C-alpha cells in the first residue's frame, strides 16, 4: 500500500522482484481516501479476511503510522525512508526499528504467523 498512484505500483514491485508476493495492492488513488485515513488498511483487512487486531502496519512515514493507529492496528516504524526528517519514534508507533532484519526478528518472536 502506497500513496503513489496505482499506475506506478506494478513497476515498483517488479523492480524489486516482489510482483508475486502480494495478494492485495493499493495505490493512493485506488480508493476515495488514502493514508493516514484508515480506509485503505481496513479495505485490505476485509479482502484478506482478517481483523485490524490481527494485522500490523509497517511503515517509514507519518502517514503510515497514523493510518495504522487510526485503524487500531499495531504499528511498526522504520527509522529510515520517507520520514522527511522527522524521527518516526515521535509518532509513538508500537515499536520502532533501525533496520529491517530487527523488525522481522521481532515479528517472528512476538506474533503468531499463519502460512
PDB file of N, CA and C in Angstrom:
ATOM      1  N   UNK A   1       0.842  -1.161   0.000  1.00  0.00           N
ATOM      2  CA  UNK A   1       0.000   0.000   0.000  1.00  0.00           C
ATOM      3  C   UNK A   1       0.892   1.229   0.000  1.00  0.00           C
ATOM      4  N   UNK A   2       0.609   2.085  -0.925  1.00  0.00           N
ATOM      5  CA  UNK A   2       1.364   3.321  -1.061  1.00  0.00           C
ATOM      6  C   UNK A   2       0.400   4.447  -1.401  1.00  0.00           C
ATOM      7  N   UNK A   3       0.800   5.668  -1.135  1.00  0.00           N
ATOM      8  CA  UNK A   3       0.006   6.809  -1.566  1.00  0.00           C
ATOM      9  C   UNK A   3       0.357   7.225  -2.990  1.00  0.00           C
ATOM     10  N   UNK A   4       1.329   6.563  -3.604  1.00  0.00           N
ATOM     11  CA  UNK A   4       1.650   6.830  -5.006  1.00  0.00           C
ATOM     12  C   UNK A   4       0.494   6.343  -5.881  1.00  0.00           C
ATOM     13  N   UNK A   5       0.254   6.975  -7.018  1.00  0.00           N
ATOM     14  CA  UNK A   5      -0.801   6.499  -7.916  1.00  0.00           C
ATOM     15  C   UNK A   5      -0.582   5.028  -8.296  1.00  0.00           C
ATOM     16  N   UNK A   6      -1.657   4.289  -8.398  1.00  0.00           N
ATOM     17  CA  UNK A   6      -1.594   2.848  -8.652  1.00  0.00           C
ATOM     18  C   UNK A   6      -0.858   2.522  -9.944  1.00  0.00           C
ATOM     19  N   UNK A   7      -0.881   3.405 -10.927  1.00  0.00           N
ATOM     20  CA  UNK A   7      -0.223   3.102 -12.209  1.00  0.00           C
ATOM     21  C   UNK A   7       1.279   2.891 -12.046  1.00  0.00           C
ATOM     22  N   UNK A   8       1.895   3.427 -10.978  1.00  0.00           N
ATOM     23  CA  UNK A   8       3.327   3.256 -10.740  1.00  0.00           C
ATOM     24  C   UNK A   8       3.653   1.996  -9.941  1.00  0.00           C
ATOM     25  N   UNK A   9       2.672   1.453  -9.244  1.00  0.00           N
ATOM     26  CA  UNK A   9       2.921   0.376  -8.290  1.00  0.00           C
ATOM     27  C   UNK A   9       3.443  -0.911  -8.944  1.00  0.00           C
ATOM     28  N   UNK A  10       2.837  -1.412 -10.023  1.00  0.00           N
ATOM     29  CA  UNK A  10       3.363  -2.653 -10.607  1.00  0.00           C
ATOM     30  C   UNK A  10       4.837  -2.560 -11.002  1.00  0.00           C
ATOM     31  N   UNK A  11       5.247  -1.447 -11.568  1.00  0.00           N
ATOM     32  CA  UNK A  11       6.648  -1.290 -11.978  1.00  0.00           C
ATOM     33  C   UNK A  11       7.564  -1.232 -10.751  1.00  0.00           C
ATOM     34  N   UNK A  12       7.124  -0.580  -9.682  1.00  0.00           N
ATOM     35  CA  UNK A  12       7.923  -0.531  -8.454  1.00  0.00           C
ATOM     36  C   UNK A  12       8.088  -1.937  -7.892  1.00  0.00           C
ATOM     37  N   UNK A  13       7.001  -2.683  -7.791  1.00  0.00           N
ATOM     38  CA  UNK A  13       7.083  -4.050  -7.271  1.00  0.00           C
ATOM     39  C   UNK A  13       7.979  -4.912  -8.148  1.00  0.00           C
ATOM     40  N   UNK A  14       7.829  -4.772  -9.447  1.00  0.00           N
ATOM     41  CA  UNK A  14       8.625  -5.564 -10.379  1.00  0.00           C
ATOM     42  C   UNK A  14      10.117  -5.235 -10.255  1.00  0.00           C
ATOM     43  N   UNK A  15      10.444  -3.982  -9.990  1.00  0.00           N
ATOM     44  CA  UNK A  15      11.859  -3.594  -9.891  1.00  0.00           C
ATOM     45  C   UNK A  15      12.551  -4.292  -8.719  1.00  0.00           C
ATOM     46  N   UNK A  16      11.774  -4.671  -7.702  1.00  0.00           N
ATOM     47  CA  UNK A  16      12.321  -5.400  -6.557  1.00  0.00           C
ATOM     48  C   UNK A  16      12.124  -6.909  -6.679  1.00  0.00           C
ATOM     49  N   UNK A  17      11.410  -7.340  -7.710  1.00  0.00           N
ATOM     50  CA  UNK A  17      11.095  -8.758  -7.855  1.00  0.00           C
ATOM     51  C   UNK A  17       9.997  -9.208  -6.909  1.00  0.00           C
ATOM     52  N   UNK A  18       9.147  -8.279  -6.477  1.00  0.00           N
ATOM     53  CA  UNK A  18       8.108  -8.551  -5.478  1.00  0.00           C
ATOM     54  C   UNK A  18       6.718  -8.694  -6.084  1.00  0.00           C
ATOM     55  N   UNK A  19       6.584  -8.674  -7.401  1.00  0.00           N
ATOM     56  CA  UNK A  19       5.271  -8.624  -8.037  1.00  0.00           C
ATOM     57  C   UNK A  19       4.377  -9.808  -7.679  1.00  0.00           C
ATOM     58  N   UNK A  20       4.932 -10.947  -7.295  1.00  0.00           N
ATOM     59  CA  UNK A  20       4.115 -12.124  -6.971  1.00  0.00           C
ATOM     60  C   UNK A  20       3.941 -12.339  -5.477  1.00  0.00           C
ATOM     61  N   UNK A  21       4.411 -11.403  -4.659  1.00  0.00           N
ATOM     62  CA  UNK A  21       4.388 -11.597  -3.211  1.00  0.00           C
ATOM     63  C   UNK A  21       3.147 -11.042  -2.520  1.00  0.00           C
ATOM     64  N   UNK A  22       2.356 -10.253  -3.213  1.00  0.00           N
ATOM     65  CA  UNK A  22       1.218  -9.583  -2.586  1.00  0.00           C
ATOM     66  C   UNK A  22      -0.089  -9.986  -3.253  1.00  0.00           C
ATOM     67  N   UNK A  23      -1.073 -10.332  -2.414  1.00  0.00           N
ATOM     68  CA  UNK A  23      -2.386 -10.651  -2.969  1.00  0.00           C
ATOM     69  C   UNK A  23      -3.275  -9.408  -3.065  1.00  0.00           C
ATOM     70  N   UNK A  24      -2.927  -8.356  -2.353  1.00  0.00           N
ATOM     71  CA  UNK A  24      -3.652  -7.081  -2.415  1.00  0.00           C
ATOM     72  C   UNK A  24      -2.643  -5.958  -2.587  1.00  0.00           C
ATOM     73  N   UNK A  25      -2.886  -5.086  -3.552  1.00  0.00           N
ATOM     74  CA  UNK A  25      -2.015  -3.945  -3.805  1.00  0.00           C
ATOM     75  C   UNK A  25      -2.899  -2.728  -4.024  1.00  0.00           C
ATOM     76  N   UNK A  26      -2.613  -1.653  -3.295  1.00  0.00           N
ATOM     77  CA  UNK A  26      -3.380  -0.419  -3.437  1.00  0.00           C
ATOM     78  C   UNK A  26      -2.443   0.755  -3.670  1.00  0.00           C
ATOM     79  N   UNK A  27      -2.885   1.676  -4.489  1.00  0.00           N
ATOM     80  CA  UNK A  27      -2.204   2.949  -4.669  1.00  0.00           C
ATOM     81  C   UNK A  27      -3.028   4.037  -4.006  1.00  0.00           C
ATOM     82  N   UNK A  28      -2.482   5.229  -3.978  1.00  0.00           N
ATOM     83  CA  UNK A  28      -3.167   6.343  -3.349  1.00  0.00           C
ATOM     84  C   UNK A  28      -4.484   6.718  -3.999  1.00  0.00           C
ATOM     85  N   UNK A  29      -4.662   6.329  -5.247  1.00  0.00           N
ATOM     86  CA  UNK A  29      -5.904   6.642  -5.951  1.00  0.00           C
ATOM     87  C   UNK A  29      -6.785   5.411  -6.156  1.00  0.00           C
ATOM     88  N   UNK A  30      -6.506   4.321  -5.451  1.00  0.00           N
ATOM     89  CA  UNK A  30      -7.316   3.106  -5.585  1.00  0.00           C
ATOM     90  C   UNK A  30      -8.668   3.230  -4.884  1.00  0.00           C
ATOM     91  N   UNK A  31      -8.711   4.011  -3.820  1.00  0.00           N
ATOM     92  CA  UNK A  31      -9.948   4.252  -3.070  1.00  0.00           C
ATOM     93  C   UNK A  31     -10.202   5.748  -3.032  1.00  0.00           C
ATOM     94  N   UNK A  32     -11.293   6.141  -2.436  1.00  0.00           N
ATOM     95  CA  UNK A  32     -11.618   7.573  -2.377  1.00  0.00           C
ATOM     96  C   UNK A  32     -10.788   8.321  -1.338  1.00  0.00           C
ATOM     97  N   UNK A  33     -10.146   7.598  -0.414  1.00  0.00           N
ATOM     98  CA  UNK A  33      -9.272   8.220   0.577  1.00  0.00           C
ATOM     99  C   UNK A  33      -7.953   7.466   0.616  1.00  0.00           C
ATOM    100  N   UNK A  34      -6.941   8.103   1.177  1.00  0.00           N
ATOM    101  CA  UNK A  34      -5.639   7.458   1.296  1.00  0.00           C
ATOM    102  C   UNK A  34      -5.067   7.706   2.681  1.00  0.00           C
ATOM    103  N   UNK A  35      -3.946   7.026   2.983  1.00  0.00           N
ATOM    104  CA  UNK A  35      -3.302   7.192   4.270  1.00  0.00           C
ATOM    105  C   UNK A  35      -3.054   8.677   4.530  1.00  0.00           C
ATOM    106  N   UNK A  36      -3.299   9.160   5.726  1.00  0.00           N
ATOM    107  CA  UNK A  36      -3.453   8.500   7.006  1.00  0.00           C
ATOM    108  C   UNK A  36      -4.871   8.042   7.347  1.00  0.00           C
ATOM    109  N   UNK A  37      -5.808   8.213   6.428  1.00  0.00           N
ATOM    110  CA  UNK A  37      -7.138   7.652   6.658  1.00  0.00           C
ATOM    111  C   UNK A  37      -6.989   6.132   6.789  1.00  0.00           C
ATOM    112  N   UNK A  38      -7.722   5.500   7.686  1.00  0.00           N
ATOM    113  CA  UNK A  38      -7.583   4.057   7.865  1.00  0.00           C
ATOM    114  C   UNK A  38      -8.254   3.227   6.768  1.00  0.00           C
ATOM    115  N   UNK A  39      -9.047   3.836   5.900  1.00  0.00           N
ATOM    116  CA  UNK A  39      -9.820   3.086   4.900  1.00  0.00           C
ATOM    117  C   UNK A  39      -8.991   2.110   4.070  1.00  0.00           C
ATOM    118  N   UNK A  40      -7.809   2.496   3.557  1.00  0.00           N
ATOM    119  CA  UNK A  40      -7.039   1.518   2.776  1.00  0.00           C
ATOM    120  C   UNK A  40      -6.635   0.288   3.598  1.00  0.00           C
ATOM    121  N   UNK A  41      -6.232   0.495   4.835  1.00  0.00           N
ATOM    122  CA  UNK A  41      -5.853  -0.634   5.689  1.00  0.00           C
ATOM    123  C   UNK A  41      -7.053  -1.515   5.995  1.00  0.00           C
ATOM    124  N   UNK A  42      -8.175  -0.901   6.284  1.00  0.00           N
ATOM    125  CA  UNK A  42      -9.388  -1.672   6.576  1.00  0.00           C
ATOM    126  C   UNK A  42      -9.872  -2.424   5.342  1.00  0.00           C
ATOM    127  N   UNK A  43      -9.696  -1.826   4.171  1.00  0.00           N
ATOM    128  CA  UNK A  43     -10.047  -2.485   2.907  1.00  0.00           C
ATOM    129  C   UNK A  43      -9.223  -3.758   2.718  1.00  0.00           C
ATOM    130  N   UNK A  44      -7.923  -3.666   2.954  1.00  0.00           N
ATOM    131  CA  UNK A  44      -7.045  -4.827   2.806  1.00  0.00           C
ATOM    132  C   UNK A  44      -7.395  -5.889   3.849  1.00  0.00           C
ATOM    133  N   UNK A  45      -7.662  -5.466   5.085  1.00  0.00           N
ATOM    134  CA  UNK A  45      -8.062  -6.438   6.123  1.00  0.00           C
ATOM    135  C   UNK A  45      -9.307  -7.200   5.689  1.00  0.00           C
ATOM    136  N   UNK A  46     -10.286  -6.479   5.184  1.00  0.00           N
ATOM    137  CA  UNK A  46     -11.524  -7.129   4.737  1.00  0.00           C
ATOM    138  C   UNK A  46     -11.249  -8.095   3.588  1.00  0.00           C
ATOM    139  N   UNK A  47     -10.438  -7.669   2.631  1.00  0.00           N
ATOM    140  CA  UNK A  47     -10.123  -8.523   1.484  1.00  0.00           C
ATOM    141  C   UNK A  47      -9.382  -9.786   1.908  1.00  0.00           C
ATOM    142  N   UNK A  48      -8.563  -9.692   2.948  1.00  0.00           N
ATOM    143  CA  UNK A  48      -7.791 -10.834   3.435  1.00  0.00           C
ATOM    144  C   UNK A  48      -8.501 -11.598   4.551  1.00  0.00           C
ATOM    145  N   UNK A  49      -9.692 -11.120   4.923  1.00  0.00           N
ATOM    146  CA  UNK A  49     -10.493 -11.756   5.969  1.00  0.00           C
ATOM    147  C   UNK A  49      -9.754 -11.816   7.311  1.00  0.00           C
ATOM    148  N   UNK A  50      -9.161 -10.683   7.684  1.00  0.00           N
ATOM    149  CA  UNK A  50      -8.532 -10.545   8.993  1.00  0.00           C
ATOM    150  C   UNK A  50      -9.065  -9.284   9.659  1.00  0.00           C
ATOM    151  N   UNK A  51      -9.007  -9.264  10.965  1.00  0.00           N
ATOM    152  CA  UNK A  51      -9.417  -8.070  11.699  1.00  0.00           C
ATOM    153  C   UNK A  51      -8.210  -7.144  11.838  1.00  0.00           C
ATOM    154  N   UNK A  52      -8.438  -5.866  12.087  1.00  0.00           N
ATOM    155  CA  UNK A  52      -7.316  -4.954  12.319  1.00  0.00           C
ATOM    156  C   UNK A  52      -6.430  -5.417  13.488  1.00  0.00           C
ATOM    157  N   UNK A  53      -7.020  -6.052  14.470  1.00  0.00           N
ATOM    158  CA  UNK A  53      -6.247  -6.538  15.611  1.00  0.00           C
ATOM    159  C   UNK A  53      -5.307  -7.686  15.224  1.00  0.00           C
ATOM    160  N   UNK A  54      -5.590  -8.347  14.117  1.00  0.00           N
ATOM    161  CA  UNK A  54      -4.738  -9.434  13.626  1.00  0.00           C
ATOM    162  C   UNK A  54      -3.667  -8.933  12.655  1.00  0.00           C
ATOM    163  N   UNK A  55      -3.714  -7.662  12.333  1.00  0.00           N
ATOM    164  CA  UNK A  55      -2.823  -7.085  11.332  1.00  0.00           C
ATOM    165  C   UNK A  55      -1.845  -6.118  11.985  1.00  0.00           C
ATOM    166  N   UNK A  56      -0.801  -5.793  11.273  1.00  0.00           N
ATOM    167  CA  UNK A  56       0.134  -4.751  11.687  1.00  0.00           C
ATOM    168  C   UNK A  56       0.382  -3.833  10.496  1.00  0.00           C
ATOM    169  N   UNK A  57       0.701  -2.599  10.791  1.00  0.00           N
ATOM    170  CA  UNK A  57       1.091  -1.649   9.756  1.00  0.00           C
ATOM    171  C   UNK A  57       2.571  -1.374   9.924  1.00  0.00           C
ATOM    172  N   UNK A  58       3.338  -1.650   8.891  1.00  0.00           N
ATOM    173  CA  UNK A  58       4.772  -1.378   8.886  1.00  0.00           C
ATOM    174  C   UNK A  58       4.991  -0.201   7.954  1.00  0.00           C
ATOM    175  N   UNK A  59       5.675   0.810   8.447  1.00  0.00           N
ATOM    176  CA  UNK A  59       5.874   1.961   7.593  1.00  0.00           C
ATOM    177  C   UNK A  59       7.058   2.807   7.989  1.00  0.00           C
ATOM    178  N   UNK A  60       7.377   3.739   7.109  1.00  0.00           N
ATOM    179  CA  UNK A  60       8.513   4.621   7.330  1.00  0.00           C
ATOM    180  C   UNK A  60       8.107   6.089   7.306  1.00  0.00           C
ATOM    181  N   UNK A  61       6.811   6.348   7.354  1.00  0.00           N
ATOM    182  CA  UNK A  61       6.371   7.737   7.273  1.00  0.00           C
ATOM    183  C   UNK A  61       5.256   8.029   8.270  1.00  0.00           C
ATOM    184  N   UNK A  62       5.042   9.299   8.471  1.00  0.00           N
ATOM    185  CA  UNK A  62       3.966   9.784   9.345  1.00  0.00           C
ATOM    186  C   UNK A  62       2.621   9.186   8.903  1.00  0.00           C
ATOM    187  N   UNK A  63       2.338   9.230   7.600  1.00  0.00           N
ATOM    188  CA  UNK A  63       1.054   8.729   7.100  1.00  0.00           C
ATOM    189  C   UNK A  63       0.876   7.242   7.386  1.00  0.00           C
ATOM    190  N   UNK A  64       1.964   6.465   7.315  1.00  0.00           N
ATOM    191  CA  UNK A  64       1.881   5.033   7.596  1.00  0.00           C
ATOM    192  C   UNK A  64       1.504   4.782   9.054  1.00  0.00           C
ATOM    193  N   UNK A  65       2.217   5.429   9.957  1.00  0.00           N
ATOM    194  CA  UNK A  65       1.974   5.203  11.387  1.00  0.00           C
ATOM    195  C   UNK A  65       0.596   5.713  11.774  1.00  0.00           C
ATOM    196  N   UNK A  66       0.219   6.884  11.313  1.00  0.00           N
ATOM    197  CA  UNK A  66      -1.105   7.422  11.643  1.00  0.00           C
ATOM    198  C   UNK A  66      -2.226   6.553  11.071  1.00  0.00           C
ATOM    199  N   UNK A  67      -2.055   6.039   9.863  1.00  0.00           N
ATOM    200  CA  UNK A  67      -3.074   5.164   9.270  1.00  0.00           C
ATOM    201  C   UNK A  67      -3.258   3.917  10.122  1.00  0.00           C
ATOM    202  N   UNK A  68      -2.157   3.304  10.533  1.00  0.00           N
ATOM    203  CA  UNK A  68      -2.244   2.122  11.389  1.00  0.00           C
ATOM    204  C   UNK A  68      -2.898   2.433  12.719  1.00  0.00           C
ATOM    205  N   UNK A  69      -2.511   3.529  13.326  1.00  0.00           N
ATOM    206  CA  UNK A  69      -3.129   3.922  14.594  1.00  0.00           C
ATOM    207  C   UNK A  69      -4.618   4.210  14.411  1.00  0.00           C
ATOM    208  N   UNK A  70      -4.974   4.870  13.317  1.00  0.00           N
ATOM    209  CA  UNK A  70      -6.379   5.170  13.039  1.00  0.00           C
ATOM    210  C   UNK A  70      -7.199   3.908  12.783  1.00  0.00           C
ATOM    211  N   UNK A  71      -6.537   2.840  12.348  1.00  0.00           N
ATOM    212  CA  UNK A  71      -7.214   1.558  12.098  1.00  0.00           C
ATOM    213  C   UNK A  71      -7.153   0.627  13.318  1.00  0.00           C
ATOM    214  N   UNK A  72      -6.566   1.124  14.409  1.00  0.00           N
ATOM    215  CA  UNK A  72      -6.420   0.332  15.640  1.00  0.00           C
ATOM    216  C   UNK A  72      -5.545  -0.896  15.447  1.00  0.00           C
ATOM    217  N   UNK A  73      -4.484  -0.734  14.676  1.00  0.00           N
ATOM    218  CA  UNK A  73      -3.509  -1.800  14.444  1.00  0.00           C
ATOM    219  C   UNK A  73      -2.239  -1.493  15.213  1.00  0.00           C
ATOM    220  N   UNK A  74      -1.469  -2.537  15.510  1.00  0.00           N
ATOM    221  CA  UNK A  74      -0.104  -2.311  15.960  1.00  0.00           C
ATOM    222  C   UNK A  74       0.647  -1.664  14.806  1.00  0.00           C
ATOM    223  N   UNK A  75       1.542  -0.746  15.134  1.00  0.00           N
ATOM    224  CA  UNK A  75       2.305  -0.051  14.103  1.00  0.00           C
ATOM    225  C   UNK A  75       3.796  -0.238  14.355  1.00  0.00           C
ATOM    226  N   UNK A  76       4.520  -0.538  13.300  1.00  0.00           N
ATOM    227  CA  UNK A  76       5.960  -0.700  13.368  1.00  0.00           C
ATOM    228  C   UNK A  76       6.598   0.328  12.456  1.00  0.00           C
ATOM    229  N   UNK A  77       7.377   1.215  13.052  1.00  0.00           N
ATOM    230  CA  UNK A  77       8.028   2.254  12.287  1.00  0.00           C
ATOM    231  C   UNK A  77       9.466   1.918  11.967  1.00  0.00           C
ATOM    232  N   UNK A  78       9.872   2.242  10.764  1.00  0.00           N
ATOM    233  CA  UNK A  78      11.265   2.119  10.342  1.00  0.00           C
ATOM    234  C   UNK A  78      11.874   3.513  10.349  1.00  0.00           C
ATOM    235  N   UNK A  79      13.046   3.632  10.935  1.00  0.00           N
ATOM    236  CA  UNK A  79      13.645   4.948  11.146  1.00  0.00           C
ATOM    237  C   UNK A  79      14.269   5.557   9.891  1.00  0.00           C
ATOM    238  N   UNK A  80      14.205   4.851   8.791  1.00  0.00           N
ATOM    239  CA  UNK A  80      14.770   5.343   7.542  1.00  0.00           C
ATOM    240  C   UNK A  80      13.679   5.311   6.476  1.00  0.00           C
ATOM    241  N   UNK A  81      13.821   6.105   5.445  1.00  0.00           N
ATOM    242  CA  UNK A  81      12.821   6.128   4.379  1.00  0.00           C
ATOM    243  C   UNK A  81      12.241   7.518   4.229  1.00  0.00           C
ATOM    244  N   UNK A  82      10.938   7.580   4.099  1.00  0.00           N
ATOM    245  CA  UNK A  82      10.255   8.845   3.801  1.00  0.00           C
ATOM    246  C   UNK A  82       9.800   9.570   5.054  1.00  0.00           C
ATOM    247  N   UNK A  83      10.685   9.759   6.004  1.00  0.00           N
ATOM    248  CA  UNK A  83      10.313  10.422   7.253  1.00  0.00           C
ATOM    249  C   UNK A  83      10.372  11.939   7.168  1.00  0.00           C
ATOM    250  N   UNK A  84      10.906  12.470   6.079  1.00  0.00           N
ATOM    251  CA  UNK A  84      11.034  13.911   5.886  1.00  0.00           C
ATOM    252  C   UNK A  84      11.701  14.579   7.080  1.00  0.00           C
ATOM    253  N   UNK A  85      12.738  13.922   7.632  1.00  0.00           N
ATOM    254  CA  UNK A  85      13.490  14.496   8.733  1.00  0.00           C
ATOM    255  C   UNK A  85      12.880  14.313  10.108  1.00  0.00           C
ATOM    256  N   UNK A  86      11.686  13.746  10.198  1.00  0.00           N
ATOM    257  CA  UNK A  86      11.039  13.530  11.494  1.00  0.00           C
ATOM    258  C   UNK A  86      11.396  12.136  12.009  1.00  0.00           C
ATOM    259  N   UNK A  87      11.801  12.060  13.268  1.00  0.00           N
ATOM    260  CA  UNK A  87      12.081  10.762  13.884  1.00  0.00           C
ATOM    261  C   UNK A  87      10.767  10.001  14.006  1.00  0.00           C
ATOM    262  N   UNK A  88      10.701   8.825  13.428  1.00  0.00           N
ATOM    263  CA  UNK A  88       9.469   8.026  13.423  1.00  0.00           C
ATOM    264  C   UNK A  88       9.007   7.721  14.843  1.00  0.00           C
ATOM    265  N   UNK A  89       9.929   7.701  15.782  1.00  0.00           N
ATOM    266  CA  UNK A  89       9.588   7.417  17.180  1.00  0.00           C
ATOM    267  C   UNK A  89       8.709   8.510  17.797  1.00  0.00           C
ATOM    268  N   UNK A  90       8.774   9.720  17.255  1.00  0.00           N
ATOM    269  CA  UNK A  90       7.942  10.829  17.745  1.00  0.00           C
ATOM    270  C   UNK A  90       6.450  10.551  17.539  1.00  0.00           C
ATOM    271  N   UNK A  91       6.124   9.647  16.633  1.00  0.00           N
ATOM    272  CA  UNK A  91       4.727   9.327  16.329  1.00  0.00           C
ATOM    273  C   UNK A  91       4.183   8.215  17.218  1.00  0.00           C
ATOM    274  N   UNK A  92       5.016   7.708  18.110  1.00  0.00           N
ATOM    275  CA  UNK A  92       4.619   6.662  19.063  1.00  0.00           C
ATOM    276  C   UNK A  92       4.101   5.389  18.405  1.00  0.00           C
ATOM    277  N   UNK A  93       4.869   4.827  17.461  1.00  0.00           N
ATOM    278  CA  UNK A  93       4.460   3.524  16.926  1.00  0.00           C
ATOM    279  C   UNK A  93       4.557   2.478  18.034  1.00  0.00           C
ATOM    280  N   UNK A  94       3.930   1.340  17.836  1.00  0.00           N
ATOM    281  CA  UNK A  94       4.017   0.254  18.809  1.00  0.00           C
ATOM    282  C   UNK A  94       5.478  -0.100  19.062  1.00  0.00           C
ATOM    283  N   UNK A  95       6.254  -0.189  18.005  1.00  0.00           N
ATOM    284  CA  UNK A  95       7.698  -0.420  18.073  1.00  0.00           C
ATOM    285  C   UNK A  95       8.352   0.329  16.914  1.00  0.00           C
ATOM    286  N   UNK A  96       9.618   0.655  17.088  1.00  0.00           N
ATOM    287  CA  UNK A  96      10.386   1.294  16.012  1.00  0.00           C
ATOM    288  C   UNK A  96      11.700   0.543  15.835  1.00  0.00           C
ATOM    289  N   UNK A  97      12.174   0.524  14.603  1.00  0.00           N
ATOM    290  CA  UNK A  97      13.363  -0.257  14.250  1.00  0.00           C
ATOM    291  C   UNK A  97      14.274   0.557  13.350  1.00  0.00           C
ATOM    292  N   UNK A  98      15.579   0.310  13.514  1.00  0.00           N
ATOM    293  CA  UNK A  98      16.576   0.974  12.680  1.00  0.00           C
ATOM    294  C   UNK A  98      16.987   0.129  11.489  1.00  0.00           C
ATOM    295  N   UNK A  99      16.608  -1.149  11.491  1.00  0.00           N
ATOM    296  CA  UNK A  99      16.897  -1.987  10.334  1.00  0.00           C
ATOM    297  C   UNK A  99      15.806  -3.047  10.188  1.00  0.00           C
ATOM    298  N   UNK A 100      15.621  -3.470   8.960  1.00  0.00           N
ATOM    299  CA  UNK A 100      14.530  -4.379   8.629  1.00  0.00           C
ATOM    300  C   UNK A 100      14.716  -5.754   9.265  1.00  0.00           C
ATOM    301  N   UNK A 101      15.944  -6.223   9.381  1.00  0.00           N
ATOM    302  CA  UNK A 101      16.195  -7.535   9.983  1.00  0.00           C
ATOM    303  C   UNK A 101      15.706  -7.567  11.427  1.00  0.00           C
ATOM    304  N   UNK A 102      15.906  -6.487  12.166  1.00  0.00           N
ATOM    305  CA  UNK A 102      15.427  -6.418  13.557  1.00  0.00           C
ATOM    306  C   UNK A 102      13.905  -6.456  13.605  1.00  0.00           C
ATOM    307  N   UNK A 103      13.265  -5.805  12.665  1.00  0.00           N
ATOM    308  CA  UNK A 103      11.802  -5.832  12.577  1.00  0.00           C
ATOM    309  C   UNK A 103      11.306  -7.251  12.334  1.00  0.00           C
ATOM    310  N   UNK A 104      11.899  -7.945  11.373  1.00  0.00           N
ATOM    311  CA  UNK A 104      11.491  -9.312  11.042  1.00  0.00           C
ATOM    312  C   UNK A 104      11.702 -10.219  12.255  1.00  0.00           C
ATOM    313  N   UNK A 105      12.822 -10.091  12.905  1.00  0.00           N
ATOM    314  CA  UNK A 105      13.097 -10.902  14.093  1.00  0.00           C
ATOM    315  C   UNK A 105      12.052 -10.652  15.178  1.00  0.00           C
ATOM    316  N   UNK A 106      11.692  -9.394  15.382  1.00  0.00           N
ATOM    317  CA  UNK A 106      10.685  -9.036  16.388  1.00  0.00           C
ATOM    318  C   UNK A 106       9.332  -9.669  16.054  1.00  0.00           C
ATOM    319  N   UNK A 107       8.931  -9.591  14.809  1.00  0.00           N
ATOM    320  CA  UNK A 107       7.635 -10.153  14.397  1.00  0.00           C
ATOM    321  C   UNK A 107       7.606 -11.658  14.637  1.00  0.00           C
ATOM    322  N   UNK A 108       8.627 -12.366  14.212  1.00  0.00           N
ATOM    323  CA  UNK A 108       8.649 -13.816  14.386  1.00  0.00           C
ATOM    324  C   UNK A 108       8.696 -14.215  15.859  1.00  0.00           C
ATOM    325  N   UNK A 109       9.305 -13.389  16.676  1.00  0.00           N
ATOM    326  CA  UNK A 109       9.411 -13.684  18.108  1.00  0.00           C
ATOM    327  C   UNK A 109       8.105 -13.383  18.858  1.00  0.00           C
ATOM    328  N   UNK A 110       7.371 -12.364  18.412  1.00  0.00           N
ATOM    329  CA  UNK A 110       6.239 -11.865  19.190  1.00  0.00           C
ATOM    330  C   UNK A 110       4.855 -12.066  18.582  1.00  0.00           C
ATOM    331  N   UNK A 111       4.777 -12.533  17.351  1.00  0.00           N
ATOM    332  CA  UNK A 111       3.485 -12.689  16.690  1.00  0.00           C
ATOM    333  C   UNK A 111       3.360 -14.085  16.109  1.00  0.00           C
ATOM    334  N   UNK A 112       2.160 -14.617  16.167  1.00  0.00           N
ATOM    335  CA  UNK A 112       1.887 -15.899  15.533  1.00  0.00           C
ATOM    336  C   UNK A 112       1.732 -15.649  14.034  1.00  0.00           C
ATOM    337  N   UNK A 113       2.503 -16.350  13.247  1.00  0.00           N
ATOM    338  CA  UNK A 113       2.478 -16.190  11.801  1.00  0.00           C
ATOM    339  C   UNK A 113       1.811 -17.424  11.203  1.00  0.00           C
ATOM    340  N   UNK A 114       0.679 -17.211  10.517  1.00  0.00           N
ATOM    341  CA  UNK A 114      -0.006 -18.303   9.813  1.00  0.00           C
ATOM    342  C   UNK A 114       0.443 -18.291   8.365  1.00  0.00           C
ATOM    343  N   UNK A 115       0.674 -19.464   7.825  1.00  0.00           N
ATOM    344  CA  UNK A 115       1.084 -19.512   6.417  1.00  0.00           C
ATOM    345  C   UNK A 115      -0.044 -20.030   5.561  1.00  0.00           C
TER     346      UNK A 115
END
